[in-house]
Amino acid sequence: MIMGFRPGDLVWVVSDASHIVRNEEIATKAVILQKIPESIWYRVYMSWSDKTKVTDFPAHMLRKIESADRRLGDETLG
């Protein structure tokens, strides 16, 4: 199942839709910037280690960070 995202949504970047984020401290986080028209791809601003990048991912590689996880994401992505 592919879920829709909105600009500003905080997401994990995963290798596939069934992937479970086990170590949140080192997991790659991203903010949705926009949906690429006529596709399943999203442009995101991602952060990992001490690096950042704007890039595109298909929806199945993104998992929305739930509200319980959001505090961690808000503190580490900025």
N, C-alpha and C. Protein backbone atom coordinates (compact mmCIF):
# COMPACT_ATOMS: atom_id res chain seq x y z
N MET A 1 0.84 -1.18 0.00
CA MET A 1 0.00 0.00 0.00
C MET A 1 0.89 1.25 0.00
N ILE A 2 0.64 2.15 -0.93
CA ILE A 2 1.39 3.39 -1.00
C ILE A 2 0.51 4.49 -0.41
N MET A 3 1.07 5.19 0.56
CA MET A 3 0.29 6.25 1.18
C MET A 3 0.69 7.58 0.58
N GLY A 4 -0.23 8.54 0.65
CA GLY A 4 0.08 9.86 0.15
C GLY A 4 0.77 10.68 1.22
N PHE A 5 1.66 11.55 0.79
CA PHE A 5 2.37 12.45 1.69
C PHE A 5 2.03 13.88 1.30
N ARG A 6 2.21 14.76 2.25
CA ARG A 6 1.98 16.19 2.00
C ARG A 6 3.27 16.94 2.27
N PRO A 7 3.46 18.09 1.61
CA PRO A 7 4.64 18.90 1.91
C PRO A 7 4.72 19.18 3.42
N GLY A 8 5.91 19.01 3.95
CA GLY A 8 6.12 19.21 5.38
C GLY A 8 6.08 17.95 6.20
N ASP A 9 5.57 16.84 5.63
CA ASP A 9 5.55 15.57 6.36
C ASP A 9 6.98 15.12 6.64
N LEU A 10 7.21 14.61 7.83
CA LEU A 10 8.50 14.07 8.22
C LEU A 10 8.47 12.56 7.98
N VAL A 11 9.48 12.04 7.27
CA VAL A 11 9.49 10.62 6.88
C VAL A 11 10.85 9.99 7.14
N TRP A 12 10.84 8.66 7.26
CA TRP A 12 12.07 7.86 7.23
C TRP A 12 12.30 7.47 5.78
N VAL A 13 13.55 7.38 5.35
CA VAL A 13 13.89 6.83 4.04
C VAL A 13 14.31 5.38 4.28
N VAL A 14 13.61 4.43 3.65
CA VAL A 14 13.85 3.00 3.88
C VAL A 14 14.14 2.30 2.55
N SER A 15 14.68 1.09 2.64
CA SER A 15 15.02 0.36 1.42
C SER A 15 13.80 -0.24 0.74
N ASP A 16 12.76 -0.59 1.49
CA ASP A 16 11.51 -1.05 0.90
C ASP A 16 10.38 -0.83 1.91
N ALA A 17 9.15 -1.00 1.44
CA ALA A 17 7.97 -0.65 2.24
C ALA A 17 7.84 -1.49 3.51
N SER A 18 8.40 -2.69 3.54
CA SER A 18 8.27 -3.54 4.72
C SER A 18 9.37 -3.29 5.75
N HIS A 19 10.31 -2.43 5.44
CA HIS A 19 11.45 -2.16 6.32
C HIS A 19 10.99 -1.50 7.63
N ILE A 20 11.53 -1.98 8.73
CA ILE A 20 11.24 -1.41 10.05
C ILE A 20 12.46 -0.60 10.47
N VAL A 21 12.23 0.62 10.93
CA VAL A 21 13.33 1.46 11.39
C VAL A 21 13.71 0.97 12.78
N ARG A 22 14.91 0.40 12.90
CA ARG A 22 15.35 -0.17 14.17
C ARG A 22 16.19 0.79 14.99
N ASN A 23 17.04 1.56 14.35
CA ASN A 23 17.90 2.47 15.08
C ASN A 23 17.61 3.90 14.61
N GLU A 24 16.73 4.57 15.33
CA GLU A 24 16.27 5.90 14.93
C GLU A 24 17.37 6.94 14.97
N GLU A 25 18.40 6.71 15.78
CA GLU A 25 19.47 7.70 15.89
C GLU A 25 20.31 7.80 14.62
N ILE A 26 20.41 6.71 13.86
CA ILE A 26 21.22 6.75 12.65
C ILE A 26 20.38 6.64 11.37
N ALA A 27 19.07 6.46 11.51
CA ALA A 27 18.20 6.32 10.34
C ALA A 27 18.13 7.64 9.56
N THR A 28 17.97 7.53 8.26
CA THR A 28 17.87 8.70 7.40
C THR A 28 16.47 9.28 7.49
N LYS A 29 16.41 10.56 7.79
CA LYS A 29 15.14 11.27 7.90
C LYS A 29 15.03 12.26 6.76
N ALA A 30 13.79 12.62 6.41
CA ALA A 30 13.58 13.59 5.33
C ALA A 30 12.27 14.34 5.57
N VAL A 31 12.18 15.50 4.93
CA VAL A 31 10.95 16.29 4.93
C VAL A 31 10.45 16.31 3.48
N ILE A 32 9.16 16.02 3.30
CA ILE A 32 8.57 16.06 1.97
C ILE A 32 8.51 17.51 1.50
N LEU A 33 9.07 17.77 0.31
CA LEU A 33 8.98 19.10 -0.29
C LEU A 33 7.83 19.19 -1.27
N GLN A 34 7.71 18.17 -2.14
CA GLN A 34 6.62 18.16 -3.12
C GLN A 34 6.48 16.78 -3.74
N LYS A 35 5.29 16.53 -4.30
CA LYS A 35 5.07 15.32 -5.09
C LYS A 35 5.46 15.65 -6.52
N ILE A 36 6.16 14.72 -7.17
CA ILE A 36 6.51 14.91 -8.57
C ILE A 36 5.24 14.60 -9.38
N PRO A 37 4.75 15.55 -10.18
CA PRO A 37 3.49 15.35 -10.91
C PRO A 37 3.49 14.08 -11.76
N GLU A 38 2.32 13.44 -11.83
CA GLU A 38 2.10 12.27 -12.68
C GLU A 38 3.02 11.10 -12.35
N SER A 39 3.39 10.95 -11.06
CA SER A 39 4.28 9.84 -10.69
C SER A 39 4.07 9.47 -9.22
N ILE A 40 4.80 8.44 -8.78
CA ILE A 40 4.76 8.04 -7.36
C ILE A 40 5.96 8.61 -6.61
N TRP A 41 6.71 9.50 -7.23
CA TRP A 41 7.93 10.05 -6.66
C TRP A 41 7.66 11.33 -5.88
N TYR A 42 8.50 11.53 -4.85
CA TYR A 42 8.43 12.73 -4.03
C TYR A 42 9.82 13.36 -3.94
N ARG A 43 9.88 14.68 -3.99
CA ARG A 43 11.13 15.40 -3.75
C ARG A 43 11.21 15.65 -2.25
N VAL A 44 12.36 15.32 -1.66
CA VAL A 44 12.54 15.45 -0.22
C VAL A 44 13.84 16.17 0.11
N TYR A 45 13.87 16.77 1.27
CA TYR A 45 15.09 17.33 1.86
C TYR A 45 15.50 16.32 2.91
N MET A 46 16.61 15.61 2.67
CA MET A 46 16.99 14.52 3.57
C MET A 46 18.21 14.87 4.39
N SER A 47 18.33 14.20 5.53
CA SER A 47 19.43 14.42 6.45
C SER A 47 19.92 13.08 6.98
N TRP A 48 21.25 12.86 6.94
CA TRP A 48 21.85 11.66 7.50
C TRP A 48 23.26 12.02 7.94
N SER A 49 23.72 11.37 8.98
CA SER A 49 25.01 11.74 9.58
C SER A 49 25.02 13.25 9.78
N ASP A 50 25.98 13.95 9.23
CA ASP A 50 25.99 15.41 9.29
C ASP A 50 25.85 16.00 7.90
N LYS A 51 25.09 15.32 7.04
CA LYS A 51 24.93 15.75 5.66
C LYS A 51 23.46 16.02 5.36
N THR A 52 23.21 16.84 4.33
CA THR A 52 21.85 17.08 3.85
C THR A 52 21.85 17.08 2.33
N LYS A 53 20.68 16.83 1.75
CA LYS A 53 20.58 16.78 0.29
C LYS A 53 19.11 16.85 -0.12
N VAL A 54 18.84 17.50 -1.24
CA VAL A 54 17.51 17.46 -1.84
C VAL A 54 17.57 16.41 -2.94
N THR A 55 16.66 15.44 -2.89
CA THR A 55 16.65 14.36 -3.87
C THR A 55 15.24 13.80 -4.01
N ASP A 56 15.04 12.88 -4.93
CA ASP A 56 13.73 12.29 -5.19
C ASP A 56 13.73 10.81 -4.81
N PHE A 57 12.61 10.37 -4.24
CA PHE A 57 12.41 8.96 -3.88
C PHE A 57 11.01 8.53 -4.28
N PRO A 58 10.84 7.25 -4.64
CA PRO A 58 9.49 6.73 -4.87
C PRO A 58 8.78 6.56 -3.51
N ALA A 59 7.48 6.63 -3.54
CA ALA A 59 6.69 6.59 -2.30
C ALA A 59 6.97 5.34 -1.47
N HIS A 60 7.26 4.20 -2.10
CA HIS A 60 7.47 2.96 -1.32
C HIS A 60 8.77 3.00 -0.50
N MET A 61 9.64 3.97 -0.74
CA MET A 61 10.87 4.08 0.05
C MET A 61 10.74 5.10 1.18
N LEU A 62 9.53 5.60 1.38
CA LEU A 62 9.29 6.60 2.42
C LEU A 62 8.26 6.09 3.41
N ARG A 63 8.53 6.27 4.70
CA ARG A 63 7.58 5.89 5.75
C ARG A 63 7.36 7.10 6.63
N LYS A 64 6.11 7.49 6.78
CA LYS A 64 5.80 8.66 7.59
C LYS A 64 6.20 8.41 9.05
N ILE A 65 6.84 9.41 9.64
CA ILE A 65 7.20 9.31 11.05
C ILE A 65 5.97 9.65 11.87
N GLU A 66 5.57 8.71 12.71
CA GLU A 66 4.37 8.89 13.52
C GLU A 66 4.62 9.91 14.62
N SER A 67 3.57 10.44 15.20
CA SER A 67 3.69 11.51 16.19
C SER A 67 4.56 11.13 17.38
N ALA A 68 4.58 9.87 17.80
CA ALA A 68 5.42 9.45 18.92
C ALA A 68 6.90 9.55 18.55
N ASP A 69 7.22 9.35 17.27
CA ASP A 69 8.60 9.43 16.80
C ASP A 69 8.99 10.85 16.41
N ARG A 70 8.03 11.72 16.25
CA ARG A 70 8.27 13.03 15.67
C ARG A 70 9.22 13.90 16.50
N ARG A 71 9.19 13.76 17.81
CA ARG A 71 10.09 14.55 18.65
C ARG A 71 11.53 14.31 18.26
N LEU A 72 11.90 13.05 18.04
CA LEU A 72 13.27 12.72 17.62
C LEU A 72 13.58 13.36 16.28
N GLY A 73 12.67 13.25 15.32
CA GLY A 73 12.91 13.83 14.01
C GLY A 73 13.01 15.33 14.03
N ASP A 74 12.18 15.99 14.82
CA ASP A 74 12.22 17.45 14.89
C ASP A 74 13.53 17.93 15.47
N GLU A 75 14.12 17.17 16.39
CA GLU A 75 15.37 17.59 17.01
C GLU A 75 16.57 17.35 16.11
N THR A 76 16.51 16.34 15.22
CA THR A 76 17.68 15.98 14.45
C THR A 76 17.67 16.49 13.04
N LEU A 77 16.55 16.93 12.51
CA LEU A 77 16.48 17.44 11.15
C LEU A 77 16.24 18.92 11.20
N GLY A 78 17.10 19.68 10.65
CA GLY A 78 16.86 21.09 10.76
C GLY A 78 17.68 21.84 9.84
